PDB file of N, CA and C in Angstrom:
ATOM      1  N   MET A   1     152.485  82.193 185.343  1.00  0.00           N
ATOM      2  CA  MET A   1     152.107  81.234 186.365  1.00  0.00           C
ATOM      3  C   MET A   1     150.811  81.707 187.003  1.00  0.00           C
ATOM      4  N   ALA A   2     149.917  80.777 187.261  1.00  0.00           N
ATOM      5  CA  ALA A   2     148.663  81.058 187.960  1.00  0.00           C
ATOM      6  C   ALA A   2     148.565  80.116 189.147  1.00  0.00           C
ATOM      7  N   LEU A   3     148.021  80.610 190.244  1.00  0.00           N
ATOM      8  CA  LEU A   3     147.887  79.826 191.471  1.00  0.00           C
ATOM      9  C   LEU A   3     146.439  79.889 191.934  1.00  0.00           C
ATOM     10  N   PHE A   4     145.829  78.710 192.104  1.00  0.00           N
ATOM     11  CA  PHE A   4     144.440  78.619 192.555  1.00  0.00           C
ATOM     12  C   PHE A   4     144.421  77.967 193.939  1.00  0.00           C
ATOM     13  N   ASP A   5     143.627  78.514 194.829  1.00  0.00           N
ATOM     14  CA  ASP A   5     143.527  78.005 196.194  1.00  0.00           C
ATOM     15  C   ASP A   5     142.058  78.033 196.582  1.00  0.00           C
ATOM     16  N   GLU A   6     141.481  76.859 196.834  1.00  0.00           N
ATOM     17  CA  GLU A   6     140.056  76.839 197.163  1.00  0.00           C
ATOM     18  C   GLU A   6     139.740  75.799 198.230  1.00  0.00           C
ATOM     19  N   LEU A   7     138.696  76.092 198.996  1.00  0.00           N
ATOM     20  CA  LEU A   7     138.201  75.177 200.014  1.00  0.00           C
ATOM     21  C   LEU A   7     137.092  74.335 199.384  1.00  0.00           C
ATOM     22  N   ILE A   8     137.180  73.024 199.542  1.00  0.00           N
ATOM     23  CA  ILE A   8     136.218  72.096 198.946  1.00  0.00           C
ATOM     24  C   ILE A   8     135.480  71.372 200.068  1.00  0.00           C
ATOM     25  N   GLU A   9     134.168  71.241 199.928  1.00  0.00           N
ATOM     26  CA  GLU A   9     133.362  70.455 200.872  1.00  0.00           C
ATOM     27  C   GLU A   9     132.678  69.335 200.115  1.00  0.00           C
ATOM     28  N   TRP A  10     132.596  68.168 200.752  1.00  0.00           N
ATOM     29  CA  TRP A  10     131.889  67.040 200.155  1.00  0.00           C
ATOM     30  C   TRP A  10     131.242  66.232 201.271  1.00  0.00           C
ATOM     31  N   ILE A  11     130.234  65.484 200.896  1.00  0.00           N
ATOM     32  CA  ILE A  11     129.516  64.645 201.860  1.00  0.00           C
ATOM     33  C   ILE A  11     129.810  63.187 201.527  1.00  0.00           C
ATOM     34  N   PHE A  12     130.214  62.433 202.544  1.00  0.00           N
ATOM     35  CA  PHE A  12     130.508  61.018 202.393  1.00  0.00           C
ATOM     36  C   PHE A  12     129.984  60.298 203.621  1.00  0.00           C
ATOM     37  N   ASP A  13     129.210  59.261 203.424  1.00  0.00           N
ATOM     38  CA  ASP A  13     128.595  58.498 204.516  1.00  0.00           C
ATOM     39  C   ASP A  13     127.824  59.399 205.483  1.00  0.00           C
ATOM     40  N   GLY A  14     127.151  60.403 204.922  1.00  0.00           N
ATOM     41  CA  GLY A  14     126.324  61.282 205.735  1.00  0.00           C
ATOM     42  C   GLY A  14     127.090  62.331 206.527  1.00  0.00           C
ATOM     43  N   ARG A  15     128.394  62.391 206.372  1.00  0.00           N
ATOM     44  CA  ARG A  15     129.207  63.385 207.089  1.00  0.00           C
ATOM     45  C   ARG A  15     129.799  64.375 206.095  1.00  0.00           C
ATOM     46  N   THR A  16     129.880  65.637 206.495  1.00  0.00           N
ATOM     47  CA  THR A  16     130.477  66.671 205.662  1.00  0.00           C
ATOM     48  C   THR A  16     131.964  66.766 205.957  1.00  0.00           C
ATOM     49  N   HIS A  17     132.754  66.751 204.911  1.00  0.00           N
ATOM     50  CA  HIS A  17     134.211  66.840 205.040  1.00  0.00           C
ATOM     51  C   HIS A  17     134.697  68.089 204.314  1.00  0.00           C
ATOM     52  N   GLN A  18     135.827  68.616 204.769  1.00  0.00           N
ATOM     53  CA  GLN A  18     136.427  69.772 204.121  1.00  0.00           C
ATOM     54  C   GLN A  18     137.872  69.479 203.762  1.00  0.00           C
ATOM     55  N   GLY A  19     138.304  70.014 202.666  1.00  0.00           N
ATOM     56  CA  GLY A  19     139.689  69.901 202.245  1.00  0.00           C
ATOM     57  C   GLY A  19     140.055  71.134 201.450  1.00  0.00           C
ATOM     58  N   ARG A  20     141.309  71.298 201.261  1.00  0.00           N
ATOM     59  CA  ARG A  20     141.807  72.453 200.525  1.00  0.00           C
ATOM     60  C   ARG A  20     142.539  71.951 199.290  1.00  0.00           C
ATOM     61  N   ARG A  21     142.247  72.560 198.163  1.00  0.00           N
ATOM     62  CA  ARG A  21     142.898  72.194 196.909  1.00  0.00           C
ATOM     63  C   ARG A  21     143.697  73.395 196.407  1.00  0.00           C
ATOM     64  N   VAL A  22     144.981  73.161 196.155  1.00  0.00           N
ATOM     65  CA  VAL A  22     145.857  74.193 195.606  1.00  0.00           C
ATOM     66  C   VAL A  22     146.334  73.685 194.248  1.00  0.00           C
ATOM     67  N   VAL A  23     146.179  74.504 193.225  1.00  0.00           N
ATOM     68  CA  VAL A  23     146.563  74.131 191.870  1.00  0.00           C
ATOM     69  C   VAL A  23     147.472  75.225 191.309  1.00  0.00           C
ATOM     70  N   ARG A  24     148.576  74.786 190.690  1.00  0.00           N
ATOM     71  CA  ARG A  24     149.497  75.731 190.056  1.00  0.00           C
ATOM     72  C   ARG A  24     149.575  75.402 188.570  1.00  0.00           C
ATOM     73  N   LEU A  25     149.374  76.419 187.749  1.00  0.00           N
ATOM     74  CA  LEU A  25     149.480  76.302 186.306  1.00  0.00           C
ATOM     75  C   LEU A  25     150.685  77.116 185.852  1.00  0.00           C
ATOM     76  N   ILE A  26     151.596  76.464 185.141  1.00  0.00           N
ATOM     77  CA  ILE A  26     152.804  77.135 184.657  1.00  0.00           C
ATOM     78  C   ILE A  26     152.803  77.078 183.135  1.00  0.00           C
ATOM     79  N   GLU A  27     153.015  78.221 182.507  1.00  0.00           N
ATOM     80  CA  GLU A  27     153.129  78.287 181.054  1.00  0.00           C
ATOM     81  C   GLU A  27     154.574  78.646 180.701  1.00  0.00           C
ATOM     82  N   ARG A  28     155.195  77.790 179.891  1.00  0.00           N
ATOM     83  CA  ARG A  28     156.567  78.047 179.459  1.00  0.00           C
ATOM     84  C   ARG A  28     156.563  78.329 177.954  1.00  0.00           C
ATOM     85  N   THR A  29     157.266  79.382 177.565  1.00  0.00           N
ATOM     86  CA  THR A  29     157.338  79.749 176.153  1.00  0.00           C
ATOM     87  C   THR A  29     158.725  79.501 175.572  1.00  0.00           C
ATOM     88  N   GLU A  30     159.664  79.064 176.432  1.00  0.00           N
ATOM     89  CA  GLU A  30     160.995  78.697 175.943  1.00  0.00           C
ATOM     90  C   GLU A  30     161.529  77.546 176.775  1.00  0.00           C
ATOM     91  N   ASP A  31     162.470  76.784 176.200  1.00  0.00           N
ATOM     92  CA  ASP A  31     163.025  75.648 176.927  1.00  0.00           C
ATOM     93  C   ASP A  31     164.151  76.106 177.861  1.00  0.00           C
ATOM     94  N   ARG A  32     164.791  75.153 178.528  1.00  0.00           N
ATOM     95  CA  ARG A  32     165.832  75.479 179.515  1.00  0.00           C
ATOM     96  C   ARG A  32     167.036  76.210 178.919  1.00  0.00           C
ATOM     97  N   GLN A  33     167.275  75.995 177.635  1.00  0.00           N
ATOM     98  CA  GLN A  33     168.405  76.650 176.975  1.00  0.00           C
ATOM     99  C   GLN A  33     168.027  78.017 176.402  1.00  0.00           C
ATOM    100  N   GLY A  34     166.770  78.423 176.582  1.00  0.00           N
ATOM    101  CA  GLY A  34     166.326  79.719 176.079  1.00  0.00           C
ATOM    102  C   GLY A  34     165.769  79.684 174.669  1.00  0.00           C
ATOM    103  N   GLN A  35     165.670  78.496 174.102  1.00  0.00           N
ATOM    104  CA  GLN A  35     165.127  78.352 172.748  1.00  0.00           C
ATOM    105  C   GLN A  35     163.610  78.530 172.796  1.00  0.00           C
ATOM    106  N   PRO A  36     163.055  79.465 171.994  1.00  0.00           N
ATOM    107  CA  PRO A  36     161.599  79.648 171.986  1.00  0.00           C
ATOM    108  C   PRO A  36     160.875  78.377 171.532  1.00  0.00           C
ATOM    109  N   LEU A  37     159.749  78.095 172.166  1.00  0.00           N
ATOM    110  CA  LEU A  37     158.936  76.943 171.805  1.00  0.00           C
ATOM    111  C   LEU A  37     157.926  77.347 170.740  1.00  0.00           C
ATOM    112  N   LEU A  38     157.636  76.446 169.833  1.00  0.00           N
ATOM    113  CA  LEU A  38     156.654  76.708 168.795  1.00  0.00           C
ATOM    114  C   LEU A  38     155.261  76.883 169.416  1.00  0.00           C
ATOM    115  N   PHE A  39     154.958  76.018 170.414  1.00  0.00           N
ATOM    116  CA  PHE A  39     153.704  76.108 171.154  1.00  0.00           C
ATOM    117  C   PHE A  39     154.043  76.183 172.636  1.00  0.00           C
ATOM    118  N   PRO A  40     153.313  76.965 173.414  1.00  0.00           N
ATOM    119  CA  PRO A  40     153.602  77.040 174.849  1.00  0.00           C
ATOM    120  C   PRO A  40     153.423  75.676 175.529  1.00  0.00           C
ATOM    121  N   GLU A  41     154.243  75.412 176.506  1.00  0.00           N
ATOM    122  CA  GLU A  41     154.147  74.175 177.297  1.00  0.00           C
ATOM    123  C   GLU A  41     153.406  74.513 178.590  1.00  0.00           C
ATOM    124  N   LEU A  42     152.341  73.790 178.860  1.00  0.00           N
ATOM    125  CA  LEU A  42     151.553  74.009 180.075  1.00  0.00           C
ATOM    126  C   LEU A  42     151.785  72.862 181.041  1.00  0.00           C
ATOM    127  N   THR A  43     152.017  73.193 182.301  1.00  0.00           N
ATOM    128  CA  THR A  43     152.197  72.209 183.361  1.00  0.00           C
ATOM    129  C   THR A  43     151.189  72.511 184.461  1.00  0.00           C
ATOM    130  N   VAL A  44     150.432  71.503 184.862  1.00  0.00           N
ATOM    131  CA  VAL A  44     149.466  71.656 185.950  1.00  0.00           C
ATOM    132  C   VAL A  44     149.906  70.756 187.099  1.00  0.00           C
ATOM    133  N   GLU A  45     150.019  71.341 188.289  1.00  0.00           N
ATOM    134  CA  GLU A  45     150.385  70.600 189.497  1.00  0.00           C
ATOM    135  C   GLU A  45     149.299  70.844 190.535  1.00  0.00           C
ATOM    136  N   GLY A  46     149.010  69.842 191.350  1.00  0.00           N
ATOM    137  CA  GLY A  46     147.957  70.011 192.341  1.00  0.00           C
ATOM    138  C   GLY A  46     148.270  69.352 193.658  1.00  0.00           C
ATOM    139  N   TRP A  47     147.735  69.915 194.721  1.00  0.00           N
ATOM    140  CA  TRP A  47     147.916  69.403 196.074  1.00  0.00           C
ATOM    141  C   TRP A  47     146.586  69.458 196.807  1.00  0.00           C
ATOM    142  N   TRP A  48     146.272  68.379 197.543  1.00  0.00           N
ATOM    143  CA  TRP A  48     145.136  68.335 198.454  1.00  0.00           C
ATOM    144  C   TRP A  48     145.707  68.342 199.868  1.00  0.00           C
ATOM    145  N   THR A  49     145.111  69.127 200.753  1.00  0.00           N
ATOM    146  CA  THR A  49     145.624  69.214 202.113  1.00  0.00           C
ATOM    147  C   THR A  49     144.513  69.579 203.082  1.00  0.00           C
ATOM    148  N   SER A  50     144.798  69.368 204.349  1.00  0.00           N
ATOM    149  CA  SER A  50     143.894  69.820 205.398  1.00  0.00           C
ATOM    150  C   SER A  50     144.481  71.028 206.130  1.00  0.00           C
ATOM    151  N   LEU A  51     145.651  71.506 205.689  1.00  0.00           N
ATOM    152  CA  LEU A  51     146.268  72.675 206.317  1.00  0.00           C
ATOM    153  C   LEU A  51     145.439  73.920 206.014  1.00  0.00           C
ATOM    154  N   ASP A  52     145.233  74.746 207.023  1.00  0.00           N
ATOM    155  CA  ASP A  52     144.401  75.938 206.929  1.00  0.00           C
ATOM    156  C   ASP A  52     145.080  77.034 206.110  1.00  0.00           C
ATOM    157  N   ALA A  53     144.321  77.698 205.244  1.00  0.00           N
ATOM    158  CA  ALA A  53     144.860  78.776 204.406  1.00  0.00           C
ATOM    159  C   ALA A  53     145.322  79.964 205.243  1.00  0.00           C
ATOM    160  N   GLY A  54     144.720  80.177 206.401  1.00  0.00           N
ATOM    161  CA  GLY A  54     145.141  81.266 207.278  1.00  0.00           C
ATOM    162  C   GLY A  54     146.489  81.009 207.921  1.00  0.00           C
ATOM    163  N   THR A  55     146.864  79.744 208.034  1.00  0.00           N
ATOM    164  CA  THR A  55     148.139  79.367 208.650  1.00  0.00           C
ATOM    165  C   THR A  55     149.239  79.233 207.610  1.00  0.00           C
ATOM    166  N   VAL A  56     148.932  78.577 206.496  1.00  0.00           N
ATOM    167  CA  VAL A  56     149.917  78.318 205.446  1.00  0.00           C
ATOM    168  C   VAL A  56     149.341  78.782 204.115  1.00  0.00           C
ATOM    169  N   ASP A  57     149.942  79.832 203.524  1.00  0.00           N
ATOM    170  CA  ASP A  57     149.440  80.291 202.231  1.00  0.00           C
ATOM    171  C   ASP A  57     149.831  79.301 201.135  1.00  0.00           C
ATOM    172  N   ALA A  58     149.283  79.498 199.947  1.00  0.00           N
ATOM    173  CA  ALA A  58     149.449  78.527 198.854  1.00  0.00           C
ATOM    174  C   ALA A  58     150.915  78.316 198.478  1.00  0.00           C
ATOM    175  N   GLN A  59     151.691  79.398 198.357  1.00  0.00           N
ATOM    176  CA  GLN A  59     153.091  79.255 197.963  1.00  0.00           C
ATOM    177  C   GLN A  59     153.893  78.531 199.042  1.00  0.00           C
ATOM    178  N   ALA A  60     153.627  78.838 200.319  1.00  0.00           N
ATOM    179  CA  ALA A  60     154.312  78.145 201.421  1.00  0.00           C
ATOM    180  C   ALA A  60     153.942  76.671 201.446  1.00  0.00           C
ATOM    181  N   LEU A  61     152.699  76.348 201.121  1.00  0.00           N
ATOM    182  CA  LEU A  61     152.257  74.954 201.063  1.00  0.00           C
ATOM    183  C   LEU A  61     153.019  74.181 199.989  1.00  0.00           C
ATOM    184  N   ILE A  62     153.169  74.784 198.814  1.00  0.00           N
ATOM    185  CA  ILE A  62     153.905  74.137 197.726  1.00  0.00           C
ATOM    186  C   ILE A  62     155.351  73.903 198.137  1.00  0.00           C
ATOM    187  N   THR A  63     155.970  74.902 198.743  1.00  0.00           N
ATOM    188  CA  THR A  63     157.353  74.775 199.211  1.00  0.00           C
ATOM    189  C   THR A  63     157.474  73.661 200.241  1.00  0.00           C
ATOM    190  N   LEU A  64     156.513  73.587 201.153  1.00  0.00           N
ATOM    191  CA  LEU A  64     156.512  72.557 202.190  1.00  0.00           C
ATOM    192  C   LEU A  64     156.467  71.154 201.575  1.00  0.00           C
ATOM    193  N   TYR A  65     155.582  70.941 200.610  1.00  0.00           N
ATOM    194  CA  TYR A  65     155.475  69.632 199.965  1.00  0.00           C
ATOM    195  C   TYR A  65     156.698  69.310 199.115  1.00  0.00           C
ATOM    196  N   GLN A  66     157.309  70.323 198.480  1.00  0.00           N
ATOM    197  CA  GLN A  66     158.528  70.080 197.706  1.00  0.00           C
ATOM    198  C   GLN A  66     159.669  69.667 198.636  1.00  0.00           C
ATOM    199  N   GLN A  67     159.773  70.301 199.812  1.00  0.00           N
ATOM    200  CA  GLN A  67     160.809  69.929 200.776  1.00  0.00           C
ATOM    201  C   GLN A  67     160.577  68.517 201.287  1.00  0.00           C
ATOM    202  N   ARG A  68     159.328  68.139 201.483  1.00  0.00           N
ATOM    203  CA  ARG A  68     159.015  66.779 201.931  1.00  0.00           C
ATOM    204  C   ARG A  68     159.443  65.763 200.882  1.00  0.00           C
ATOM    205  N   GLY A  69     159.185  66.053 199.617  1.00  0.00           N
ATOM    206  CA  GLY A  69     159.593  65.158 198.543  1.00  0.00           C
ATOM    207  C   GLY A  69     161.101  64.999 198.470  1.00  0.00           C
ATOM    208  N   THR A  70     161.825  66.092 198.667  1.00  0.00           N
ATOM    209  CA  THR A  70     163.286  66.041 198.671  1.00  0.00           C
ATOM    210  C   THR A  70     163.778  65.192 199.830  1.00  0.00           C
ATOM    211  N   SER A  71     163.159  65.362 200.998  1.00  0.00           N
ATOM    212  CA  SER A  71     163.533  64.580 202.181  1.00  0.00           C
ATOM    213  C   SER A  71     163.301  63.096 201.946  1.00  0.00           C
ATOM    214  N   GLU A  72     162.172  62.734 201.350  1.00  0.00           N
ATOM    215  CA  GLU A  72     161.884  61.327 201.074  1.00  0.00           C
ATOM    216  C   GLU A  72     162.856  60.748 200.060  1.00  0.00           C
ATOM    217  N   GLN A  73     163.291  61.562 199.111  1.00  0.00           N
ATOM    218  CA  GLN A  73     164.264  61.095 198.122  1.00  0.00           C
ATOM    219  C   GLN A  73     165.591  60.772 198.814  1.00  0.00           C
ATOM    220  N   TYR A  74     166.056  61.648 199.718  1.00  0.00           N
ATOM    221  CA  TYR A  74     167.298  61.380 200.450  1.00  0.00           C
ATOM    222  C   TYR A  74     167.160  60.124 201.311  1.00  0.00           C
ATOM    223  N   HIS A  75     165.994  59.959 201.933  1.00  0.00           N
ATOM    224  CA  HIS A  75     165.736  58.796 202.776  1.00  0.00           C
ATOM    225  C   HIS A  75     165.831  57.512 201.942  1.00  0.00           C
ATOM    226  N   SER A  76     165.220  57.535 200.757  1.00  0.00           N
ATOM    227  CA  SER A  76     165.239  56.369 199.874  1.00  0.00           C
ATOM    228  C   SER A  76     166.663  56.046 199.419  1.00  0.00           C
ATOM    229  N   GLU A  77     167.432  57.092 199.056  1.00  0.00           N
ATOM    230  CA  GLU A  77     168.812  56.872 198.621  1.00  0.00           C
ATOM    231  C   GLU A  77     169.663  56.324 199.762  1.00  0.00           C
ATOM    232  N   PHE A  78     169.413  56.802 200.987  1.00  0.00           N
ATOM    233  CA  PHE A  78     170.152  56.327 202.153  1.00  0.00           C
ATOM    234  C   PHE A  78     169.890  54.843 202.387  1.00  0.00           C
ATOM    235  N   LYS A  79     168.603  54.437 202.294  1.00  0.00           N
ATOM    236  CA  LYS A  79     168.252  53.028 202.461  1.00  0.00           C
ATOM    237  C   LYS A  79     168.910  52.168 201.389  1.00  0.00           C
ATOM    238  N   THR A  80     168.924  52.670 200.145  1.00  0.00           N
ATOM    239  CA  THR A  80     169.548  51.925 199.059  1.00  0.00           C
ATOM    240  C   THR A  80     171.044  51.779 199.286  1.00  0.00           C
ATOM    241  N   ASP A  81     171.705  52.860 199.706  1.00  0.00           N
ATOM    242  CA  ASP A  81     173.151  52.820 199.947  1.00  0.00           C
ATOM    243  C   ASP A  81     173.519  51.834 201.042  1.00  0.00           C
ATOM    244  N   LEU A  82     172.674  51.715 202.062  1.00  0.00           N
ATOM    245  CA  LEU A  82     172.937  50.792 203.165  1.00  0.00           C
ATOM    246  C   LEU A  82     172.366  49.404 202.910  1.00  0.00           C
ATOM    247  N   ASP A  83     171.703  49.227 201.781  1.00  0.00           N
ATOM    248  CA  ASP A  83     171.073  47.961 201.402  1.00  0.00           C
ATOM    249  C   ASP A  83     170.046  47.536 202.446  1.00  0.00           C
ATOM    250  N   LEU A  84     169.314  48.514 203.002  1.00  0.00           N
ATOM    251  CA  LEU A  84     168.297  48.200 204.005  1.00  0.00           C
ATOM    252  C   LEU A  84     167.012  47.665 203.389  1.00  0.00           C
ATOM    253  N   ALA A  85     166.825  47.864 202.109  1.00  0.00           N
ATOM    254  CA  ALA A  85     165.602  47.393 201.459  1.00  0.00           C
ATOM    255  C   ALA A  85     165.525  45.880 201.436  1.00  0.00           C
ATOM    256  N   SER A  86     166.684  45.215 201.517  1.00  0.00           N
ATOM    257  CA  SER A  86     166.677  43.760 201.433  1.00  0.00           C
ATOM    258  C   SER A  86     166.667  43.088 202.804  1.00  0.00           C
ATOM    259  N   VAL A  87     166.665  43.867 203.887  1.00  0.00           N
ATOM    260  CA  VAL A  87     166.648  43.291 205.227  1.00  0.00           C
ATOM    261  C   VAL A  87     165.236  42.845 205.558  1.00  0.00           C
ATOM    262  N   SER A  88     165.075  41.627 205.979  1.00  0.00           N
ATOM    263  CA  SER A  88     163.763  41.081 206.319  1.00  0.00           C
ATOM    264  C   SER A  88     163.328  41.581 207.682  1.00  0.00           C
ATOM    265  N   SER A  89     162.054  41.847 207.832  1.00  0.00           N
ATOM    266  CA  SER A  89     161.544  42.301 209.124  1.00  0.00           C
ATOM    267  C   SER A  89     161.346  41.149 210.094  1.00  0.00           C
ATOM    268  N   THR A  90     161.445  39.913 209.619  1.00  0.00           N
ATOM    269  CA  THR A  90     161.250  38.745 210.496  1.00  0.00           C
ATOM    270  C   THR A  90     162.556  38.180 211.045  1.00  0.00           C
ATOM    271  N   SER A  91     163.683  38.712 210.577  1.00  0.00           N
ATOM    272  CA  SER A  91     164.961  38.154 211.041  1.00  0.00           C
ATOM    273  C   SER A  91     165.512  38.908 212.225  1.00  0.00           C
TER     274      SER A  91
END
């Protein structure tokens, strides 16, 4: 596994903006059952954020976003179970 963390600056409409890009590269040489793969499997994941590297390191940032995704999944399942998706906002 490799982890890249970099600060990016860009200019848009005459203003300079800053963002942070975190990229994780994972190389797998065997599948979930332990069977060796003929060719390594590479997975690239990326996150853009404005969170400061001094406050949240790269691994903590990834964990934070994974927890957010899990929370949103539970929220979506809860809405589906209660059939809230079909409730009109005008009624």
